[in-house]
Amino acid sequence: MRPYAIALAVGLLVGVIYGLLKVRSPAPPYVALVGLLGILLGEQAVPTVKHWLGLPVRIAASAPPVDDRT
């Protein structure tokens, strides 16, 4: 449940930033793609910077297996 709450909070933050910058959503495709690229680069930047600073880097564990049998 925690990842959903974090995703919602980040989404709300992005929505506030869009509102402050007066960017209308849905954004034009090139703006959306640049935004997704920024998300990807930002996600990869955190462990890279931690590695450069000599801090421990925690690698996300894979999700537990899902039992589809009902």
C-alpha atoms as a PDB file:
ATOM      1  CA  MET A   1       0.000   0.000   0.000  1.00  0.00           C
ATOM      2  CA  ARG A   2       2.903   2.347   0.705  1.00  0.00           C
ATOM      3  CA  PRO A   3       4.064   2.544  -2.964  1.00  0.00           C
ATOM      4  CA  TYR A   4       0.550   3.617  -3.945  1.00  0.00           C
ATOM      5  CA  ALA A   5       0.511   6.375  -1.342  1.00  0.00           C
ATOM      6  CA  ILE A   6       3.938   7.588  -2.481  1.00  0.00           C
ATOM      7  CA  ALA A   7       2.848   7.510  -6.137  1.00  0.00           C
ATOM      8  CA  LEU A   8      -0.277   9.487  -5.260  1.00  0.00           C
ATOM      9  CA  ALA A   9       1.720  12.065  -3.291  1.00  0.00           C
ATOM     10  CA  VAL A  10       4.231  12.524  -6.102  1.00  0.00           C
ATOM     11  CA  GLY A  11       1.406  12.781  -8.620  1.00  0.00           C
ATOM     12  CA  LEU A  12      -0.234  15.487  -6.532  1.00  0.00           C
ATOM     13  CA  LEU A  13       3.077  17.333  -6.282  1.00  0.00           C
ATOM     14  CA  VAL A  14       3.508  17.199 -10.047  1.00  0.00           C
ATOM     15  CA  GLY A  15      -0.060  18.432 -10.457  1.00  0.00           C
ATOM     16  CA  VAL A  16       0.673  21.406  -8.202  1.00  0.00           C
ATOM     17  CA  ILE A  17       3.830  22.179 -10.197  1.00  0.00           C
ATOM     18  CA  TYR A  18       1.809  21.955 -13.446  1.00  0.00           C
ATOM     19  CA  GLY A  19      -0.693  24.380 -11.959  1.00  0.00           C
ATOM     20  CA  LEU A  20       1.993  26.841 -10.870  1.00  0.00           C
ATOM     21  CA  LEU A  21       3.654  26.703 -14.298  1.00  0.00           C
ATOM     22  CA  LYS A  22       0.252  26.936 -16.001  1.00  0.00           C
ATOM     23  CA  VAL A  23       0.923  23.799 -18.049  1.00  0.00           C
ATOM     24  CA  ARG A  24      -2.306  22.310 -19.284  1.00  0.00           C
ATOM     25  CA  SER A  25      -2.787  18.589 -19.004  1.00  0.00           C
ATOM     26  CA  PRO A  26      -2.718  16.472 -21.051  1.00  0.00           C
ATOM     27  CA  ALA A  27       0.534  17.974 -22.173  1.00  0.00           C
ATOM     28  CA  PRO A  28       1.561  17.808 -25.816  1.00  0.00           C
ATOM     29  CA  PRO A  29       3.301  14.499 -26.587  1.00  0.00           C
ATOM     30  CA  TYR A  30       6.814  15.945 -26.707  1.00  0.00           C
ATOM     31  CA  VAL A  31       6.362  17.599 -23.309  1.00  0.00           C
ATOM     32  CA  ALA A  32       5.058  14.348 -21.843  1.00  0.00           C
ATOM     33  CA  LEU A  33       7.990  12.399 -23.289  1.00  0.00           C
ATOM     34  CA  VAL A  34      10.499  14.891 -21.921  1.00  0.00           C
ATOM     35  CA  GLY A  35       8.795  14.606 -18.526  1.00  0.00           C
ATOM     36  CA  LEU A  36       9.013  10.815 -18.610  1.00  0.00           C
ATOM     37  CA  LEU A  37      12.680  11.068 -19.586  1.00  0.00           C
ATOM     38  CA  GLY A  38      13.239  13.353 -16.588  1.00  0.00           C
ATOM     39  CA  ILE A  39      11.566  10.843 -14.302  1.00  0.00           C
ATOM     40  CA  LEU A  40      13.749   8.029 -15.634  1.00  0.00           C
ATOM     41  CA  LEU A  41      16.958  10.062 -15.345  1.00  0.00           C
ATOM     42  CA  GLY A  42      16.060  11.263 -11.852  1.00  0.00           C
ATOM     43  CA  GLU A  43      15.339   7.729 -10.720  1.00  0.00           C
ATOM     44  CA  GLN A  44      18.718   6.556 -12.000  1.00  0.00           C
ATOM     45  CA  ALA A  45      20.564   9.600 -10.634  1.00  0.00           C
ATOM     46  CA  VAL A  46      19.894   8.849  -6.970  1.00  0.00           C
ATOM     47  CA  PRO A  47      21.833   5.542  -6.765  1.00  0.00           C
ATOM     48  CA  THR A  48      24.578   6.958  -9.009  1.00  0.00           C
ATOM     49  CA  VAL A  49      25.138   9.973  -6.767  1.00  0.00           C
ATOM     50  CA  LYS A  50      25.023   7.786  -3.652  1.00  0.00           C
ATOM     51  CA  HIS A  51      27.672   5.559  -5.208  1.00  0.00           C
ATOM     52  CA  TRP A  52      29.870   8.571  -6.044  1.00  0.00           C
ATOM     53  CA  LEU A  53      29.540   9.831  -2.464  1.00  0.00           C
ATOM     54  CA  GLY A  54      30.378   6.407  -1.047  1.00  0.00           C
ATOM     55  CA  LEU A  55      26.979   5.980   0.582  1.00  0.00           C
ATOM     56  CA  PRO A  56      25.308   2.562   0.732  1.00  0.00           C
ATOM     57  CA  VAL A  57      23.059   1.940  -2.246  1.00  0.00           C
ATOM     58  CA  ARG A  58      19.937  -0.090  -1.541  1.00  0.00           C
ATOM     59  CA  ILE A  59      18.720  -2.060  -4.517  1.00  0.00           C
ATOM     60  CA  ALA A  60      14.975  -2.610  -4.566  1.00  0.00           C
ATOM     61  CA  ALA A  61      13.957  -6.170  -3.930  1.00  0.00           C
ATOM     62  CA  SER A  62      11.749  -7.848  -6.463  1.00  0.00           C
ATOM     63  CA  ALA A  63       8.082  -8.097  -5.650  1.00  0.00           C
ATOM     64  CA  PRO A  64       6.954 -11.287  -3.942  1.00  0.00           C
ATOM     65  CA  PRO A  65       5.367 -13.853  -6.259  1.00  0.00           C
ATOM     66  CA  VAL A  66       1.652 -13.500  -6.845  1.00  0.00           C
ATOM     67  CA  ASP A  67      -0.559 -16.526  -6.393  1.00  0.00           C
ATOM     68  CA  ASP A  68      -3.095 -16.388  -9.242  1.00  0.00           C
ATOM     69  CA  ARG A  69      -5.017 -19.400  -8.027  1.00  0.00           C
ATOM     70  CA  THR A  70      -8.327 -18.453  -6.452  1.00  0.00           C
END
